[in-house]
C-alpha atoms as a PDB file:
ATOM      1  CA  MET A   1       0.000   0.000   0.000  1.00  0.00           C
ATOM      2  CA  LYS A   2       2.839   2.395   0.887  1.00  0.00           C
ATOM      3  CA  LYS A   3       4.467   1.724  -2.484  1.00  0.00           C
ATOM      4  CA  ILE A   4       1.266   2.591  -4.331  1.00  0.00           C
ATOM      5  CA  ILE A   5       0.904   5.863  -2.402  1.00  0.00           C
ATOM      6  CA  ALA A   6       4.588   6.693  -2.983  1.00  0.00           C
ATOM      7  CA  LEU A   7       4.201   5.923  -6.695  1.00  0.00           C
ATOM      8  CA  ALA A   8       1.054   8.078  -6.933  1.00  0.00           C
ATOM      9  CA  LEU A   9       2.788  10.974  -5.165  1.00  0.00           C
ATOM     10  CA  SER A  10       5.825  10.641  -7.451  1.00  0.00           C
ATOM     11  CA  LEU A  11       3.592  10.673 -10.515  1.00  0.00           C
ATOM     12  CA  MET A  12       1.737  13.729  -9.235  1.00  0.00           C
ATOM     13  CA  LEU A  13       5.046  15.518  -8.590  1.00  0.00           C
ATOM     14  CA  LEU A  14       6.257  14.749 -12.128  1.00  0.00           C
ATOM     15  CA  LEU A  15       3.019  16.072 -13.603  1.00  0.00           C
ATOM     16  CA  CYS A  16       3.325  19.285 -11.565  1.00  0.00           C
ATOM     17  CA  MET A  17       6.910  19.783 -12.754  1.00  0.00           C
ATOM     18  CA  ALA A  18       5.882  19.173 -16.378  1.00  0.00           C
ATOM     19  CA  ALA A  19       3.048  21.702 -16.035  1.00  0.00           C
ATOM     20  CA  ALA A  20       5.439  24.264 -14.549  1.00  0.00           C
ATOM     21  CA  LEU A  21       7.892  23.780 -17.413  1.00  0.00           C
ATOM     22  CA  ALA A  22       5.088  24.061 -19.956  1.00  0.00           C
ATOM     23  CA  ASP A  23       3.962  27.336 -18.358  1.00  0.00           C
ATOM     24  CA  GLU A  24       7.550  28.625 -18.461  1.00  0.00           C
ATOM     25  CA  THR A  25       7.816  27.896 -22.209  1.00  0.00           C
ATOM     26  CA  ALA A  26       4.380  29.356 -22.900  1.00  0.00           C
ATOM     27  CA  GLU A  27       5.420  32.712 -21.467  1.00  0.00           C
ATOM     28  CA  LYS A  28       8.121  33.207 -24.099  1.00  0.00           C
ATOM     29  CA  THR A  29       7.335  35.366 -27.109  1.00  0.00           C
ATOM     30  CA  ARG A  30       8.591  34.625 -30.598  1.00  0.00           C
ATOM     31  CA  LEU A  31      10.765  37.558 -31.653  1.00  0.00           C
ATOM     32  CA  GLY A  32      11.651  36.315 -35.124  1.00  0.00           C
ATOM     33  CA  THR A  33      13.416  33.670 -37.218  1.00  0.00           C
ATOM     34  CA  LEU A  34      16.998  33.741 -38.514  1.00  0.00           C
ATOM     35  CA  GLN A  35      18.096  31.289 -41.178  1.00  0.00           C
ATOM     36  CA  VAL A  36      21.851  31.574 -41.630  1.00  0.00           C
ATOM     37  CA  GLY A  37      24.296  29.349 -39.773  1.00  0.00           C
ATOM     38  CA  GLY A  38      21.309  27.148 -38.962  1.00  0.00           C
ATOM     39  CA  ALA A  39      17.645  28.103 -38.837  1.00  0.00           C
ATOM     40  CA  PHE A  40      16.683  29.536 -35.466  1.00  0.00           C
ATOM     41  CA  VAL A  41      13.494  30.862 -33.953  1.00  0.00           C
ATOM     42  CA  ILE A  42      14.415  33.584 -31.454  1.00  0.00           C
ATOM     43  CA  GLN A  43      12.189  33.741 -28.409  1.00  0.00           C
ATOM     44  CA  SER A  44      12.317  35.305 -24.961  1.00  0.00           C
ATOM     45  CA  ARG A  45      10.155  36.368 -22.067  1.00  0.00           C
ATOM     46  CA  ILE A  46       9.088  39.977 -22.438  1.00  0.00           C
ATOM     47  CA  PRO A  47       9.584  41.984 -19.226  1.00  0.00           C
ATOM     48  CA  ASP A  48       6.430  43.103 -17.406  1.00  0.00           C
ATOM     49  CA  ASN A  49       4.877  46.261 -18.856  1.00  0.00           C
ATOM     50  CA  TYR A  50       6.990  45.993 -22.030  1.00  0.00           C
ATOM     51  CA  THR A  51       6.178  45.070 -25.620  1.00  0.00           C
ATOM     52  CA  PHE A  52       8.464  43.868 -28.397  1.00  0.00           C
ATOM     53  CA  THR A  53       8.006  45.334 -31.881  1.00  0.00           C
ATOM     54  CA  THR A  54       9.859  44.001 -34.927  1.00  0.00           C
ATOM     55  CA  ILE A  55      11.310  46.771 -37.107  1.00  0.00           C
ATOM     56  CA  THR A  56      13.034  44.600 -39.730  1.00  0.00           C
ATOM     57  CA  ALA A  57      13.477  40.873 -40.093  1.00  0.00           C
ATOM     58  CA  THR A  58      15.399  39.024 -42.810  1.00  0.00           C
ATOM     59  CA  GLU A  59      17.178  35.688 -43.001  1.00  0.00           C
ATOM     60  CA  LEU A  60      20.344  37.474 -41.806  1.00  0.00           C
ATOM     61  CA  ASN A  61      19.151  39.820 -39.085  1.00  0.00           C
ATOM     62  CA  LEU A  62      16.432  40.930 -36.741  1.00  0.00           C
ATOM     63  CA  VAL A  63      15.954  44.451 -35.426  1.00  0.00           C
ATOM     64  CA  GLY A  64      13.253  45.396 -32.968  1.00  0.00           C
ATOM     65  CA  THR A  65      12.411  47.520 -29.970  1.00  0.00           C
ATOM     66  CA  LEU A  66      11.491  46.634 -26.439  1.00  0.00           C
ATOM     67  CA  THR A  67       9.361  49.482 -25.105  1.00  0.00           C
ATOM     68  CA  GLY A  68       7.620  50.119 -21.828  1.00  0.00           C
ATOM     69  CA  GLY A  69       5.326  52.787 -20.546  1.00  0.00           C
ATOM     70  CA  GLU A  70       6.035  56.482 -20.248  1.00  0.00           C
ATOM     71  CA  GLY A  71       9.314  57.220 -18.503  1.00  0.00           C
ATOM     72  CA  GLN A  72      10.556  53.620 -18.840  1.00  0.00           C
ATOM     73  CA  PRO A  73      13.726  52.902 -20.798  1.00  0.00           C
ATOM     74  CA  GLU A  74      13.660  51.660 -24.378  1.00  0.00           C
ATOM     75  CA  VAL A  75      15.843  48.918 -25.833  1.00  0.00           C
ATOM     76  CA  VAL A  76      16.815  48.571 -29.485  1.00  0.00           C
ATOM     77  CA  VAL A  77      17.539  44.895 -30.151  1.00  0.00           C
ATOM     78  CA  SER A  78      19.794  43.963 -33.075  1.00  0.00           C
ATOM     79  CA  ILE A  79      20.711  40.378 -33.941  1.00  0.00           C
ATOM     80  CA  ALA A  80      22.822  39.986 -37.084  1.00  0.00           C
ATOM     81  CA  TYR A  81      24.666  37.071 -38.629  1.00  0.00           C
ATOM     82  CA  SER A  82      28.434  37.559 -38.870  1.00  0.00           C
ATOM     83  CA  GLU A  83      30.657  35.586 -41.226  1.00  0.00           C
ATOM     84  CA  GLU A  84      33.572  36.644 -39.029  1.00  0.00           C
ATOM     85  CA  TYR A  85      32.067  34.785 -36.064  1.00  0.00           C
ATOM     86  CA  PHE A  86      30.706  31.785 -37.959  1.00  0.00           C
ATOM     87  CA  GLY A  87      31.296  28.788 -35.719  1.00  0.00           C
ATOM     88  CA  VAL A  88      31.625  30.847 -32.535  1.00  0.00           C
ATOM     89  CA  GLU A  89      29.188  29.378 -30.032  1.00  0.00           C
ATOM     90  CA  ARG A  90      29.397  32.162 -27.410  1.00  0.00           C
ATOM     91  CA  PHE A  91      31.254  35.401 -26.718  1.00  0.00           C
ATOM     92  CA  ASN A  92      33.135  33.439 -24.043  1.00  0.00           C
ATOM     93  CA  ASP A  93      34.888  31.546 -26.884  1.00  0.00           C
ATOM     94  CA  VAL A  94      36.612  34.512 -28.583  1.00  0.00           C
ATOM     95  CA  ASP A  95      40.201  35.367 -27.722  1.00  0.00           C
ATOM     96  CA  GLU A  96      41.272  38.513 -25.876  1.00  0.00           C
ATOM     97  CA  GLU A  97      42.657  40.124 -29.058  1.00  0.00           C
ATOM     98  CA  THR A  98      39.229  39.856 -30.701  1.00  0.00           C
ATOM     99  CA  VAL A  99      37.539  41.253 -27.580  1.00  0.00           C
ATOM    100  CA  GLN A 100      39.923  44.228 -27.731  1.00  0.00           C
ATOM    101  CA  LYS A 101      39.020  44.863 -31.405  1.00  0.00           C
ATOM    102  CA  ILE A 102      35.330  44.786 -30.476  1.00  0.00           C
ATOM    103  CA  ARG A 103      35.938  47.296 -27.665  1.00  0.00           C
ATOM    104  CA  GLU A 104      37.807  49.576 -30.078  1.00  0.00           C
ATOM    105  CA  GLY A 105      34.693  49.645 -32.248  1.00  0.00           C
ATOM    106  CA  PHE A 106      32.865  51.413 -29.414  1.00  0.00           C
ATOM    107  CA  LEU A 107      35.553  54.026 -28.763  1.00  0.00           C
ATOM    108  CA  ASP A 108      34.224  56.438 -31.404  1.00  0.00           C
ATOM    109  CA  MET A 109      31.326  57.184 -29.028  1.00  0.00           C
ATOM    110  CA  ASP A 110      31.552  59.904 -26.379  1.00  0.00           C
ATOM    111  CA  GLU A 111      33.516  58.704 -23.361  1.00  0.00           C
ATOM    112  CA  VAL A 112      32.535  55.129 -22.633  1.00  0.00           C
ATOM    113  CA  THR A 113      33.501  52.597 -19.998  1.00  0.00           C
ATOM    114  CA  PHE A 114      33.555  48.840 -20.371  1.00  0.00           C
ATOM    115  CA  GLU A 115      32.499  46.132 -17.970  1.00  0.00           C
ATOM    116  CA  ASP A 116      32.311  42.374 -18.455  1.00  0.00           C
ATOM    117  CA  ILE A 117      29.071  40.922 -17.095  1.00  0.00           C
ATOM    118  CA  GLU A 118      27.290  37.579 -17.580  1.00  0.00           C
ATOM    119  CA  THR A 119      23.848  36.181 -18.210  1.00  0.00           C
ATOM    120  CA  ALA A 120      22.282  33.866 -15.660  1.00  0.00           C
ATOM    121  CA  TYR A 121      23.760  30.988 -17.689  1.00  0.00           C
ATOM    122  CA  GLY A 122      27.330  32.308 -17.750  1.00  0.00           C
ATOM    123  CA  THR A 123      27.374  33.802 -21.246  1.00  0.00           C
ATOM    124  CA  LYS A 124      29.765  36.739 -21.319  1.00  0.00           C
ATOM    125  CA  LEU A 125      28.316  40.164 -22.133  1.00  0.00           C
ATOM    126  CA  LEU A 126      30.222  43.368 -22.842  1.00  0.00           C
ATOM    127  CA  LYS A 127      28.538  46.313 -21.139  1.00  0.00           C
ATOM    128  CA  VAL A 128      29.421  49.681 -22.680  1.00  0.00           C
ATOM    129  CA  THR A 129      28.234  52.679 -20.657  1.00  0.00           C
ATOM    130  CA  GLN A 130      28.228  56.257 -21.898  1.00  0.00           C
ATOM    131  CA  ALA A 131      29.735  58.705 -19.397  1.00  0.00           C
ATOM    132  CA  ALA A 132      26.550  60.814 -19.343  1.00  0.00           C
ATOM    133  CA  GLY A 133      24.601  57.684 -18.391  1.00  0.00           C
ATOM    134  CA  THR A 134      21.814  58.124 -20.936  1.00  0.00           C
ATOM    135  CA  PHE A 135      22.560  54.842 -22.674  1.00  0.00           C
ATOM    136  CA  VAL A 136      24.095  51.441 -22.069  1.00  0.00           C
ATOM    137  CA  ASP A 137      25.054  49.148 -24.937  1.00  0.00           C
ATOM    138  CA  ILE A 138      25.254  45.411 -24.214  1.00  0.00           C
ATOM    139  CA  TYR A 139      27.033  43.273 -26.792  1.00  0.00           C
ATOM    140  CA  THR A 140      27.574  39.539 -27.121  1.00  0.00           C
ATOM    141  CA  ILE A 141      28.036  36.785 -29.697  1.00  0.00           C
ATOM    142  CA  TYR A 142      25.908  33.650 -29.846  1.00  0.00           C
ATOM    143  CA  LYS A 143      25.860  30.876 -32.470  1.00  0.00           C
ATOM    144  CA  GLY A 144      27.662  33.070 -35.042  1.00  0.00           C
ATOM    145  CA  TYR A 145      25.347  36.051 -34.518  1.00  0.00           C
ATOM    146  CA  GLU A 146      26.281  39.409 -33.043  1.00  0.00           C
ATOM    147  CA  LEU A 147      23.681  40.560 -30.530  1.00  0.00           C
ATOM    148  CA  GLU A 148      23.540  44.197 -29.510  1.00  0.00           C
ATOM    149  CA  PHE A 149      21.085  45.765 -27.100  1.00  0.00           C
ATOM    150  CA  VAL A 150      21.052  49.559 -26.759  1.00  0.00           C
ATOM    151  CA  LEU A 151      19.249  50.658 -23.595  1.00  0.00           C
ATOM    152  CA  THR A 152      18.285  54.334 -23.388  1.00  0.00           C
ATOM    153  CA  ALA A 153      16.471  56.205 -20.649  1.00  0.00           C
ATOM    154  CA  PRO A 154      15.547  59.899 -20.672  1.00  0.00           C
ATOM    155  CA  ASP A 155      16.498  60.333 -17.002  1.00  0.00           C
ATOM    156  CA  GLY A 156      19.563  58.084 -17.171  1.00  0.00           C
ATOM    157  CA  VAL A 157      19.931  54.320 -17.130  1.00  0.00           C
ATOM    158  CA  GLN A 158      19.559  52.759 -13.686  1.00  0.00           C
ATOM    159  CA  ASP A 159      21.057  49.475 -12.431  1.00  0.00           C
ATOM    160  CA  LYS A 160      17.557  47.954 -12.307  1.00  0.00           C
ATOM    161  CA  ASP A 161      17.138  48.772 -16.029  1.00  0.00           C
ATOM    162  CA  VAL A 162      20.386  46.987 -16.861  1.00  0.00           C
ATOM    163  CA  GLN A 163      19.308  43.993 -14.754  1.00  0.00           C
ATOM    164  CA  MET A 164      15.963  43.871 -16.598  1.00  0.00           C
ATOM    165  CA  LEU A 165      17.887  43.737 -19.875  1.00  0.00           C
ATOM    166  CA  VAL A 166      20.319  41.061 -18.643  1.00  0.00           C
ATOM    167  CA  ASP A 167      17.308  38.975 -17.523  1.00  0.00           C
ATOM    168  CA  PHE A 168      15.725  39.444 -20.977  1.00  0.00           C
ATOM    169  CA  ILE A 169      18.971  38.298 -22.640  1.00  0.00           C
ATOM    170  CA  SER A 170      19.309  35.376 -20.187  1.00  0.00           C
ATOM    171  CA  ASP A 171      15.817  34.175 -21.168  1.00  0.00           C
ATOM    172  CA  MET A 172      16.524  34.456 -24.898  1.00  0.00           C
ATOM    173  CA  ASP A 173      16.492  31.131 -26.752  1.00  0.00           C
ATOM    174  CA  PHE A 174      17.742  30.237 -30.205  1.00  0.00           C
ATOM    175  CA  VAL A 175      15.450  27.257 -30.913  1.00  0.00           C
ATOM    176  CA  ALA A 176      16.170  25.161 -33.992  1.00  0.00           C
ATOM    177  CA  ALA A 177      13.466  25.917 -36.565  1.00  0.00           C
ATOM    178  CA  GLU A 178      11.656  22.989 -38.088  1.00  0.00           C
END
């Protein structure tokens, strides 16, 4: 009798976990499809009180905006295939010389600082902050694509805004398209 009860409880626990995982997947929004270097559907959870709008989408790139209500920061999302990074799985995999070249590409902006940060899954992100604090640019590489997220806020970018963006990037999936 105890075995039957234990088995029933185990089955119920598995069903609850499956339902929780299904709910987690259901909350993700399809942002677009990229078809170079493999066909990928890009999806992510959209932060509360935000909407994602696609500006352009081709086989090579996806550009969109993540916008909130009045006074909330806006994010321009750009995902573009790069022949230079074909075969690079993550930004973590590029050598320091390449990272330095990428940083140099940002130096034409007004006084910027660099900081290495990570997603919740350990993917390296390059955070580029303008001295005036009105925008933060977050850059990374994933599956041969360059991902750039430009966060702007009229009253200056706050740490909570950057964390919202890092969470958005952490939730982003490149799912193989069928």
